[in-house]
Amino acid sequence: MTRKHTMLTAAVCAAAVLGVTGCGGEGDDGRKPGAKNGTKSDAKSGSAVKEKDRRSSGTGDTESSSGGRKGPSGVEKLSARDILAKSAEATTSARTMRVSTAGSTTSSLDLTMDKAGNCAGTFTNEGFTNRVIRKGDKVWLKLEDSYWNDPVAKPILDKFPDAREKYLYGDVEDSFVLIMASASCEFGGPDGLAKLPGDGAKLTKGAVTTVEGVKAVPVHIDSAKDGKSTVYVATEGRPYTVKVEGQKPKGALLLSDFDKPFTVPSTPPVRDTLDAAEIEKLSMNAG
């Protein structure tokens, strides 16, 4: 792979947070990235959500009979594994949610998505900030100036002088770059967070604490395969996963705005788009 193509890929690949991305190499199932398989990708990484926004989002859950407030669920009284099972069930039932990152110095994301795989937001990796919109199998990707100002983008700008003002567009299956750019949207099914640790993992329940303004019980996971991580599960209303912390690499995913209304932004007109597959091919051949 040429450096120019590597740079284009770097502009859209988010650094692994909690081992959820797949930039480069083969996936866990042995398929090459970009293979047309119709399955969901495990991936992730724009900007971390501001503290006040996260605190105001809550868990979007059912209300108790007293004053419309969420009542205690008692989930913290269950075993660690049962807490995770309840959380997986609640989180996968959400029709919409917001996923952001915290604690990573190399990448970040802030995406709102629905269970159908539609999403919109931003993500940053290696200094490149990108804006993505996904509707079904179609993706619009806006690469911002950090990429276009690099000399490796010159062959593209020579052929398309106004490229920096346009969105790369296409069917997700036809472009590796679009697969990587929208992988977090598929991750946010939100089935990607519903995978329970294997039976060999050591699970430890902690004391109820407050995470991003939400009361939650932590479950610490120690797995020989996946390392150590902590899942925080809401104890009031539905037991959604509200935060996942990992050590390899270090970082956290924050989940909020469950089942809140989400309308995918209007997509750019055709005149403001470039064929992503053509741009990708041009980038590959430029070296």
C-alpha atoms as a PDB file:
ATOM      1  CA  MET A   1       0.000   0.000   0.000  1.00  0.00           C
ATOM      2  CA  THR A   2       1.416   3.406  -0.927  1.00  0.00           C
ATOM      3  CA  ARG A   3       1.891   6.139   1.637  1.00  0.00           C
ATOM      4  CA  LYS A   4      -0.718   8.225  -0.169  1.00  0.00           C
ATOM      5  CA  HIS A   5      -3.342   5.547   0.215  1.00  0.00           C
ATOM      6  CA  THR A   6      -2.235   4.965   3.785  1.00  0.00           C
ATOM      7  CA  MET A   7      -2.811   8.642   4.504  1.00  0.00           C
ATOM      8  CA  LEU A   8      -6.297   8.564   3.006  1.00  0.00           C
ATOM      9  CA  THR A   9      -7.107   5.544   5.124  1.00  0.00           C
ATOM     10  CA  ALA A  10      -5.575   7.176   8.205  1.00  0.00           C
ATOM     11  CA  ALA A  11      -7.881  10.114   7.697  1.00  0.00           C
ATOM     12  CA  VAL A  12     -10.903   7.921   8.308  1.00  0.00           C
ATOM     13  CA  CYS A  13      -9.636   5.062  10.498  1.00  0.00           C
ATOM     14  CA  ALA A  14     -10.206   5.615  14.195  1.00  0.00           C
ATOM     15  CA  ALA A  15      -7.612   4.300  16.618  1.00  0.00           C
ATOM     16  CA  ALA A  16      -8.851   1.236  18.473  1.00  0.00           C
ATOM     17  CA  VAL A  17     -10.764   1.998  21.636  1.00  0.00           C
ATOM     18  CA  LEU A  18     -11.584  -1.111  23.645  1.00  0.00           C
ATOM     19  CA  GLY A  19     -10.558  -3.206  20.658  1.00  0.00           C
ATOM     20  CA  VAL A  20     -13.619  -2.304  18.625  1.00  0.00           C
ATOM     21  CA  THR A  21     -12.101  -1.108  15.318  1.00  0.00           C
ATOM     22  CA  GLY A  22     -10.780  -2.984  12.338  1.00  0.00           C
ATOM     23  CA  CYS A  23      -8.390  -0.694  10.420  1.00  0.00           C
ATOM     24  CA  GLY A  24      -5.936  -2.905   8.576  1.00  0.00           C
ATOM     25  CA  GLY A  25      -5.316  -6.657   8.683  1.00  0.00           C
ATOM     26  CA  GLU A  26      -8.001  -9.301   8.787  1.00  0.00           C
ATOM     27  CA  GLY A  27     -11.079  -9.233  10.938  1.00  0.00           C
ATOM     28  CA  ASP A  28     -11.798 -11.712  13.704  1.00  0.00           C
ATOM     29  CA  ASP A  29     -13.706 -13.841  11.239  1.00  0.00           C
ATOM     30  CA  GLY A  30     -10.815 -14.007   8.777  1.00  0.00           C
ATOM     31  CA  ARG A  31     -12.396 -11.754   6.142  1.00  0.00           C
ATOM     32  CA  LYS A  32     -10.433  -8.894   4.693  1.00  0.00           C
ATOM     33  CA  PRO A  33     -11.671  -5.382   5.521  1.00  0.00           C
ATOM     34  CA  GLY A  34     -14.095  -4.277   2.856  1.00  0.00           C
ATOM     35  CA  ALA A  35     -15.373  -7.761   2.049  1.00  0.00           C
ATOM     36  CA  LYS A  36     -19.007  -7.736   1.042  1.00  0.00           C
ATOM     37  CA  ASN A  37     -20.476  -9.818   3.799  1.00  0.00           C
ATOM     38  CA  GLY A  38     -23.554  -7.933   4.923  1.00  0.00           C
ATOM     39  CA  THR A  39     -22.595  -8.387   8.585  1.00  0.00           C
ATOM     40  CA  LYS A  40     -21.998  -5.748  11.176  1.00  0.00           C
ATOM     41  CA  SER A  41     -18.469  -4.492  11.710  1.00  0.00           C
ATOM     42  CA  ASP A  42     -16.969  -4.069  15.154  1.00  0.00           C
ATOM     43  CA  ALA A  43     -15.446  -0.635  14.942  1.00  0.00           C
ATOM     44  CA  LYS A  44     -15.368   2.855  16.407  1.00  0.00           C
ATOM     45  CA  SER A  45     -14.044   6.632  16.914  1.00  0.00           C
ATOM     46  CA  GLY A  46     -15.196  13.187  16.190  1.00  0.00           C
ATOM     47  CA  SER A  47     -15.241  14.979  19.413  1.00  0.00           C
ATOM     48  CA  ALA A  48     -15.950  13.771  22.924  1.00  0.00           C
ATOM     49  CA  VAL A  49     -19.294  15.038  24.182  1.00  0.00           C
ATOM     50  CA  LYS A  50     -19.117  18.073  26.409  1.00  0.00           C
ATOM     51  CA  GLU A  51     -19.647  17.311  30.072  1.00  0.00           C
ATOM     52  CA  LYS A  52     -22.824  19.357  30.384  1.00  0.00           C
ATOM     53  CA  ASP A  53     -24.342  17.645  27.332  1.00  0.00           C
ATOM     54  CA  ARG A  54     -23.621  14.183  28.672  1.00  0.00           C
ATOM     55  CA  ARG A  55     -25.012  15.043  32.086  1.00  0.00           C
ATOM     56  CA  SER A  56     -28.246  16.304  30.589  1.00  0.00           C
ATOM     57  CA  SER A  57     -28.787  13.270  28.361  1.00  0.00           C
ATOM     58  CA  GLY A  58     -29.510  10.687  31.048  1.00  0.00           C
ATOM     59  CA  THR A  59     -30.490   7.175  30.034  1.00  0.00           C
ATOM     60  CA  GLY A  60     -33.770   7.898  28.271  1.00  0.00           C
ATOM     61  CA  ASP A  61     -35.602   5.241  30.250  1.00  0.00           C
ATOM     62  CA  THR A  62     -39.071   4.458  31.529  1.00  0.00           C
ATOM     63  CA  GLU A  63     -40.434   6.587  34.331  1.00  0.00           C
ATOM     64  CA  SER A  64     -41.592   5.680  37.808  1.00  0.00           C
ATOM     65  CA  SER A  65     -44.966   6.681  39.195  1.00  0.00           C
ATOM     66  CA  SER A  66     -43.511   9.441  41.400  1.00  0.00           C
ATOM     67  CA  GLY A  67     -43.064  12.770  39.637  1.00  0.00           C
ATOM     68  CA  GLY A  68     -42.053  11.180  36.352  1.00  0.00           C
ATOM     69  CA  ARG A  69     -38.597  10.293  37.650  1.00  0.00           C
ATOM     70  CA  LYS A  70     -36.842   7.039  36.934  1.00  0.00           C
ATOM     71  CA  GLY A  71     -37.109   4.607  39.792  1.00  0.00           C
ATOM     72  CA  PRO A  72     -34.392   2.257  41.085  1.00  0.00           C
ATOM     73  CA  SER A  73     -34.302  -1.005  39.141  1.00  0.00           C
ATOM     74  CA  GLY A  74     -32.443  -3.080  41.735  1.00  0.00           C
ATOM     75  CA  VAL A  75     -30.081  -4.366  39.050  1.00  0.00           C
ATOM     76  CA  GLU A  76     -27.119  -3.774  41.376  1.00  0.00           C
ATOM     77  CA  LYS A  77     -28.375  -6.596  43.597  1.00  0.00           C
ATOM     78  CA  LEU A  78     -27.815  -9.182  40.862  1.00  0.00           C
ATOM     79  CA  SER A  79     -24.625 -11.126  40.197  1.00  0.00           C
ATOM     80  CA  ALA A  80     -22.002  -9.499  37.984  1.00  0.00           C
ATOM     81  CA  ARG A  81     -22.838 -11.745  35.025  1.00  0.00           C
ATOM     82  CA  ASP A  82     -26.584 -11.188  35.410  1.00  0.00           C
ATOM     83  CA  ILE A  83     -26.005  -7.420  35.521  1.00  0.00           C
ATOM     84  CA  LEU A  84     -24.178  -7.622  32.199  1.00  0.00           C
ATOM     85  CA  ALA A  85     -26.914  -9.797  30.721  1.00  0.00           C
ATOM     86  CA  LYS A  86     -29.628  -7.330  31.791  1.00  0.00           C
ATOM     87  CA  SER A  87     -27.577  -4.449  30.422  1.00  0.00           C
ATOM     88  CA  ALA A  88     -27.051  -6.183  27.078  1.00  0.00           C
ATOM     89  CA  GLU A  89     -30.780  -6.817  26.791  1.00  0.00           C
ATOM     90  CA  ALA A  90     -31.670  -3.196  27.583  1.00  0.00           C
ATOM     91  CA  THR A  91     -29.002  -1.643  25.385  1.00  0.00           C
ATOM     92  CA  THR A  92     -29.818  -3.755  22.327  1.00  0.00           C
ATOM     93  CA  SER A  93     -33.477  -2.822  22.675  1.00  0.00           C
ATOM     94  CA  ALA A  94     -32.705   0.889  22.253  1.00  0.00           C
ATOM     95  CA  ARG A  95     -33.899   2.276  18.938  1.00  0.00           C
ATOM     96  CA  THR A  96     -31.461   5.196  19.021  1.00  0.00           C
ATOM     97  CA  MET A  97     -28.449   6.260  21.045  1.00  0.00           C
ATOM     98  CA  ARG A  98     -25.423   8.518  21.135  1.00  0.00           C
ATOM     99  CA  VAL A  99     -21.880   7.128  21.377  1.00  0.00           C
ATOM    100  CA  SER A 100     -18.846   9.233  22.211  1.00  0.00           C
ATOM    101  CA  THR A 101     -15.343   8.657  23.495  1.00  0.00           C
ATOM    102  CA  ALA A 102     -13.226   9.912  26.374  1.00  0.00           C
ATOM    103  CA  GLY A 103      -9.701   9.337  27.598  1.00  0.00           C
ATOM    104  CA  SER A 104      -8.013   8.665  24.260  1.00  0.00           C
ATOM    105  CA  THR A 105      -5.266  11.041  23.124  1.00  0.00           C
ATOM    106  CA  THR A 106      -5.230   9.828  19.525  1.00  0.00           C
ATOM    107  CA  SER A 107      -8.860   9.539  18.478  1.00  0.00           C
ATOM    108  CA  SER A 108     -12.390  10.516  19.417  1.00  0.00           C
ATOM    109  CA  LEU A 109     -15.921  10.265  18.135  1.00  0.00           C
ATOM    110  CA  ASP A 110     -19.367  11.701  18.667  1.00  0.00           C
ATOM    111  CA  LEU A 111     -22.058   9.884  16.703  1.00  0.00           C
ATOM    112  CA  THR A 112     -25.821   9.646  17.023  1.00  0.00           C
ATOM    113  CA  MET A 113     -27.292   6.537  15.448  1.00  0.00           C
ATOM    114  CA  ASP A 114     -30.268   4.259  15.177  1.00  0.00           C
ATOM    115  CA  LYS A 115     -30.631   0.528  15.165  1.00  0.00           C
ATOM    116  CA  ALA A 116     -30.987   0.437  11.383  1.00  0.00           C
ATOM    117  CA  GLY A 117     -27.405   1.660  10.963  1.00  0.00           C
ATOM    118  CA  ASN A 118     -28.234   5.269  10.081  1.00  0.00           C
ATOM    119  CA  CYS A 119     -26.021   7.799  11.818  1.00  0.00           C
ATOM    120  CA  ALA A 120     -24.435  11.230  11.752  1.00  0.00           C
ATOM    121  CA  GLY A 121     -21.620  12.952  13.589  1.00  0.00           C
ATOM    122  CA  THR A 122     -17.884  13.486  13.646  1.00  0.00           C
ATOM    123  CA  PHE A 123     -14.756  11.517  14.461  1.00  0.00           C
ATOM    124  CA  THR A 124     -11.086  12.417  14.714  1.00  0.00           C
ATOM    125  CA  ASN A 125      -7.986  10.326  14.118  1.00  0.00           C
ATOM    126  CA  GLU A 126      -4.329  11.309  13.847  1.00  0.00           C
ATOM    127  CA  GLY A 127      -5.237  14.974  13.483  1.00  0.00           C
ATOM    128  CA  PHE A 128      -7.882  14.388  10.815  1.00  0.00           C
ATOM    129  CA  THR A 129     -11.404  15.462  11.737  1.00  0.00           C
ATOM    130  CA  ASN A 130     -14.166  14.024   9.593  1.00  0.00           C
ATOM    131  CA  ARG A 131     -17.920  14.375   9.284  1.00  0.00           C
ATOM    132  CA  VAL A 132     -20.007  11.366   8.313  1.00  0.00           C
ATOM    133  CA  ILE A 133     -23.644  10.783   7.383  1.00  0.00           C
ATOM    134  CA  ARG A 134     -24.972   7.320   6.737  1.00  0.00           C
ATOM    135  CA  LYS A 135     -28.410   6.374   5.416  1.00  0.00           C
ATOM    136  CA  GLY A 136     -28.812   2.658   4.900  1.00  0.00           C
ATOM    137  CA  ASP A 137     -25.961   1.513   2.640  1.00  0.00           C
ATOM    138  CA  LYS A 138     -25.105   5.024   1.427  1.00  0.00           C
ATOM    139  CA  VAL A 139     -22.357   7.090   3.084  1.00  0.00           C
ATOM    140  CA  TRP A 140     -21.295  10.736   2.773  1.00  0.00           C
ATOM    141  CA  LEU A 141     -17.863  11.568   4.192  1.00  0.00           C
ATOM    142  CA  LYS A 142     -16.392  15.064   4.567  1.00  0.00           C
ATOM    143  CA  LEU A 143     -12.612  15.096   5.067  1.00  0.00           C
ATOM    144  CA  GLU A 144     -11.540  18.329   6.707  1.00  0.00           C
ATOM    145  CA  ASP A 145      -8.512  20.528   5.993  1.00  0.00           C
ATOM    146  CA  SER A 146      -5.890  18.524   7.884  1.00  0.00           C
ATOM    147  CA  TYR A 147      -6.023  15.922   5.131  1.00  0.00           C
ATOM    148  CA  TRP A 148      -6.349  18.237   2.137  1.00  0.00           C
ATOM    149  CA  ASN A 149      -3.459  20.419   3.316  1.00  0.00           C
ATOM    150  CA  ASP A 150      -1.088  17.446   3.296  1.00  0.00           C
ATOM    151  CA  PRO A 151       1.028  16.979   0.115  1.00  0.00           C
ATOM    152  CA  VAL A 152      -0.321  13.451  -0.311  1.00  0.00           C
ATOM    153  CA  ALA A 153      -3.692  14.943  -1.304  1.00  0.00           C
ATOM    154  CA  LYS A 154      -2.190  16.878  -4.234  1.00  0.00           C
ATOM    155  CA  PRO A 155      -2.981  14.254  -6.946  1.00  0.00           C
ATOM    156  CA  ILE A 156      -6.639  14.372  -5.949  1.00  0.00           C
ATOM    157  CA  LEU A 157      -6.757  18.170  -5.878  1.00  0.00           C
ATOM    158  CA  ASP A 158      -4.996  18.311  -9.258  1.00  0.00           C
ATOM    159  CA  LYS A 159      -7.863  16.363 -10.810  1.00  0.00           C
ATOM    160  CA  PHE A 160     -10.639  17.738  -8.583  1.00  0.00           C
ATOM    161  CA  PRO A 161      -9.611  21.280  -7.508  1.00  0.00           C
ATOM    162  CA  ASP A 162     -12.722  21.743  -5.389  1.00  0.00           C
ATOM    163  CA  ALA A 163     -12.449  18.345  -3.673  1.00  0.00           C
ATOM    164  CA  ARG A 164     -11.873  19.853  -0.222  1.00  0.00           C
ATOM    165  CA  GLU A 165     -15.370  21.352  -0.359  1.00  0.00           C
ATOM    166  CA  LYS A 166     -17.075  18.110  -1.298  1.00  0.00           C
ATOM    167  CA  TYR A 167     -18.205  14.883   0.343  1.00  0.00           C
ATOM    168  CA  LEU A 168     -16.884  11.502  -0.690  1.00  0.00           C
ATOM    169  CA  TYR A 169     -19.988   9.479  -1.482  1.00  0.00           C
ATOM    170  CA  GLY A 170     -20.940   5.965  -2.402  1.00  0.00           C
ATOM    171  CA  ASP A 171     -22.238   2.570  -1.407  1.00  0.00           C
ATOM    172  CA  VAL A 172     -20.471   1.402   1.722  1.00  0.00           C
ATOM    173  CA  GLU A 173     -19.565  -1.945   0.145  1.00  0.00           C
ATOM    174  CA  ASP A 174     -17.781  -0.322  -2.800  1.00  0.00           C
ATOM    175  CA  SER A 175     -15.186   1.632  -0.825  1.00  0.00           C
ATOM    176  CA  PHE A 176     -12.778   0.565   1.915  1.00  0.00           C
ATOM    177  CA  VAL A 177     -12.597   4.197   3.044  1.00  0.00           C
ATOM    178  CA  LEU A 178     -16.386   4.395   3.425  1.00  0.00           C
ATOM    179  CA  ILE A 179     -16.441   1.074   5.282  1.00  0.00           C
ATOM    180  CA  MET A 180     -13.952   2.455   7.793  1.00  0.00           C
ATOM    181  CA  ALA A 181     -15.694   5.825   8.010  1.00  0.00           C
ATOM    182  CA  SER A 182     -19.076   4.292   8.817  1.00  0.00           C
ATOM    183  CA  ALA A 183     -17.965   1.254  10.811  1.00  0.00           C
ATOM    184  CA  SER A 184     -18.924   2.989  14.056  1.00  0.00           C
ATOM    185  CA  CYS A 185     -22.462   3.389  12.743  1.00  0.00           C
ATOM    186  CA  GLU A 186     -22.760  -0.377  12.396  1.00  0.00           C
ATOM    187  CA  PHE A 187     -21.132  -0.879  15.766  1.00  0.00           C
ATOM    188  CA  GLY A 188     -23.867   1.283  17.236  1.00  0.00           C
ATOM    189  CA  GLY A 189     -26.571  -1.154  16.181  1.00  0.00           C
ATOM    190  CA  PRO A 190     -26.198  -1.205  19.262  1.00  0.00           C
ATOM    191  CA  ASP A 191     -25.571  -4.953  19.161  1.00  0.00           C
ATOM    192  CA  GLY A 192     -21.811  -4.390  19.300  1.00  0.00           C
ATOM    193  CA  LEU A 193     -22.099  -3.690  23.029  1.00  0.00           C
ATOM    194  CA  ALA A 194     -24.170  -6.765  23.733  1.00  0.00           C
ATOM    195  CA  LYS A 195     -21.389  -9.313  23.643  1.00  0.00           C
ATOM    196  CA  LEU A 196     -21.070 -10.954  27.025  1.00  0.00           C
ATOM    197  CA  PRO A 197     -17.586 -11.972  28.206  1.00  0.00           C
ATOM    198  CA  GLY A 198     -16.645 -15.627  27.874  1.00  0.00           C
ATOM    199  CA  ASP A 199     -17.043 -18.036  30.753  1.00  0.00           C
ATOM    200  CA  GLY A 200     -13.312 -17.841  31.431  1.00  0.00           C
ATOM    201  CA  ALA A 201     -13.443 -14.134  32.270  1.00  0.00           C
ATOM    202  CA  LYS A 202     -13.318 -13.053  35.903  1.00  0.00           C
ATOM    203  CA  LEU A 203     -16.221 -10.736  36.774  1.00  0.00           C
ATOM    204  CA  THR A 204     -16.325  -8.513  39.862  1.00  0.00           C
ATOM    205  CA  LYS A 205     -19.189  -6.252  40.888  1.00  0.00           C
ATOM    206  CA  GLY A 206     -18.320  -2.881  42.421  1.00  0.00           C
ATOM    207  CA  ALA A 207     -20.222  -0.365  44.540  1.00  0.00           C
ATOM    208  CA  VAL A 208     -22.813   1.927  42.946  1.00  0.00           C
ATOM    209  CA  THR A 209     -21.260   5.202  41.807  1.00  0.00           C
ATOM    210  CA  THR A 210     -22.180   8.176  39.619  1.00  0.00           C
ATOM    211  CA  VAL A 211     -20.995   8.173  36.012  1.00  0.00           C
ATOM    212  CA  GLU A 212     -21.694  11.141  33.738  1.00  0.00           C
ATOM    213  CA  GLY A 213     -24.495  12.181  36.070  1.00  0.00           C
ATOM    214  CA  VAL A 214     -26.075   8.713  36.079  1.00  0.00           C
ATOM    215  CA  LYS A 215     -26.111   6.290  39.022  1.00  0.00           C
ATOM    216  CA  ALA A 216     -24.463   3.088  37.845  1.00  0.00           C
ATOM    217  CA  VAL A 217     -23.005  -0.171  39.109  1.00  0.00           C
ATOM    218  CA  PRO A 218     -19.573  -1.109  37.714  1.00  0.00           C
ATOM    219  CA  VAL A 219     -18.750  -4.623  36.589  1.00  0.00           C
ATOM    220  CA  HIS A 220     -15.011  -5.241  36.270  1.00  0.00           C
ATOM    221  CA  ILE A 221     -14.005  -7.788  33.622  1.00  0.00           C
ATOM    222  CA  ASP A 222     -10.629  -9.525  33.582  1.00  0.00           C
ATOM    223  CA  SER A 223     -10.209 -11.649  30.478  1.00  0.00           C
ATOM    224  CA  ALA A 224      -7.056 -13.435  29.379  1.00  0.00           C
ATOM    225  CA  LYS A 225      -8.067 -12.816  25.774  1.00  0.00           C
ATOM    226  CA  ASP A 226      -9.376  -9.237  25.909  1.00  0.00           C
ATOM    227  CA  GLY A 227      -7.629  -7.791  28.961  1.00  0.00           C
ATOM    228  CA  LYS A 228      -9.298  -5.707  31.656  1.00  0.00           C
ATOM    229  CA  SER A 229     -12.346  -3.499  31.195  1.00  0.00           C
ATOM    230  CA  THR A 230     -15.185  -2.046  33.239  1.00  0.00           C
ATOM    231  CA  VAL A 231     -18.830  -1.768  32.214  1.00  0.00           C
ATOM    232  CA  TYR A 232     -21.027   0.739  34.066  1.00  0.00           C
ATOM    233  CA  VAL A 233     -24.727  -0.136  34.137  1.00  0.00           C
ATOM    234  CA  ALA A 234     -27.487   2.332  35.058  1.00  0.00           C
ATOM    235  CA  THR A 235     -29.297   1.450  38.288  1.00  0.00           C
ATOM    236  CA  GLU A 236     -32.320   3.702  37.757  1.00  0.00           C
ATOM    237  CA  GLY A 237     -34.784   3.116  34.956  1.00  0.00           C
ATOM    238  CA  ARG A 238     -33.701   0.561  32.370  1.00  0.00           C
ATOM    239  CA  PRO A 239     -30.231  -0.920  32.993  1.00  0.00           C
ATOM    240  CA  TYR A 240     -28.520   0.592  29.965  1.00  0.00           C
ATOM    241  CA  THR A 241     -24.756   0.463  29.567  1.00  0.00           C
ATOM    242  CA  VAL A 242     -23.666   4.066  30.140  1.00  0.00           C
ATOM    243  CA  LYS A 243     -19.891   3.706  30.016  1.00  0.00           C
ATOM    244  CA  VAL A 244     -17.291   1.127  29.008  1.00  0.00           C
ATOM    245  CA  GLU A 245     -13.663   1.601  30.041  1.00  0.00           C
ATOM    246  CA  GLY A 246     -10.761  -0.370  28.600  1.00  0.00           C
ATOM    247  CA  GLN A 247      -7.042  -0.617  29.260  1.00  0.00           C
ATOM    248  CA  LYS A 248      -5.769  -2.092  25.956  1.00  0.00           C
ATOM    249  CA  PRO A 249      -5.749   0.540  24.591  1.00  0.00           C
ATOM    250  CA  LYS A 250      -6.787   2.956  27.308  1.00  0.00           C
ATOM    251  CA  GLY A 251      -9.993   4.813  26.641  1.00  0.00           C
ATOM    252  CA  ALA A 252     -13.728   4.838  27.230  1.00  0.00           C
ATOM    253  CA  LEU A 253     -17.002   4.749  25.351  1.00  0.00           C
ATOM    254  CA  LEU A 254     -19.882   6.853  26.664  1.00  0.00           C
ATOM    255  CA  LEU A 255     -23.472   5.948  25.782  1.00  0.00           C
ATOM    256  CA  SER A 256     -26.465   8.252  26.187  1.00  0.00           C
ATOM    257  CA  ASP A 257     -29.665   9.592  24.581  1.00  0.00           C
ATOM    258  CA  PHE A 258     -31.261   6.153  24.447  1.00  0.00           C
ATOM    259  CA  ASP A 259     -34.487   6.157  22.405  1.00  0.00           C
ATOM    260  CA  LYS A 260     -34.411   9.928  21.945  1.00  0.00           C
ATOM    261  CA  PRO A 261     -35.749  11.130  18.579  1.00  0.00           C
ATOM    262  CA  PHE A 262     -33.078  11.101  15.876  1.00  0.00           C
ATOM    263  CA  THR A 263     -33.501  12.399  12.343  1.00  0.00           C
ATOM    264  CA  VAL A 264     -30.633  11.817   9.935  1.00  0.00           C
ATOM    265  CA  PRO A 265     -29.469  15.196   8.543  1.00  0.00           C
ATOM    266  CA  SER A 266     -30.247  16.107   4.963  1.00  0.00           C
ATOM    267  CA  THR A 267     -27.754  14.539   2.585  1.00  0.00           C
ATOM    268  CA  PRO A 268     -25.560  16.724   0.354  1.00  0.00           C
ATOM    269  CA  PRO A 269     -26.759  17.335  -3.228  1.00  0.00           C
ATOM    270  CA  VAL A 270     -25.024  15.392  -5.987  1.00  0.00           C
ATOM    271  CA  ARG A 271     -23.100  18.488  -7.112  1.00  0.00           C
ATOM    272  CA  ASP A 272     -21.370  18.549  -3.721  1.00  0.00           C
ATOM    273  CA  THR A 273     -20.137  14.950  -3.847  1.00  0.00           C
ATOM    274  CA  LEU A 274     -17.297  12.951  -5.377  1.00  0.00           C
ATOM    275  CA  ASP A 275     -17.286   9.234  -6.092  1.00  0.00           C
ATOM    276  CA  ALA A 276     -15.471   7.683  -3.124  1.00  0.00           C
ATOM    277  CA  ALA A 277     -14.308   4.628  -5.058  1.00  0.00           C
ATOM    278  CA  GLU A 278     -12.732   6.846  -7.748  1.00  0.00           C
ATOM    279  CA  ILE A 279     -10.955   9.000  -5.156  1.00  0.00           C
ATOM    280  CA  GLU A 280      -9.709   5.887  -3.413  1.00  0.00           C
ATOM    281  CA  LYS A 281      -8.384   4.443  -6.659  1.00  0.00           C
ATOM    282  CA  LEU A 282      -6.681   7.726  -7.549  1.00  0.00           C
ATOM    283  CA  SER A 283      -5.049   7.808  -4.117  1.00  0.00           C
ATOM    284  CA  MET A 284      -3.787   4.238  -4.489  1.00  0.00           C
ATOM    285  CA  ASN A 285      -2.318   4.848  -7.937  1.00  0.00           C
ATOM    286  CA  ALA A 286      -0.658   8.135  -6.985  1.00  0.00           C
ATOM    287  CA  GLY A 287       2.376   6.410  -5.441  1.00  0.00           C
END
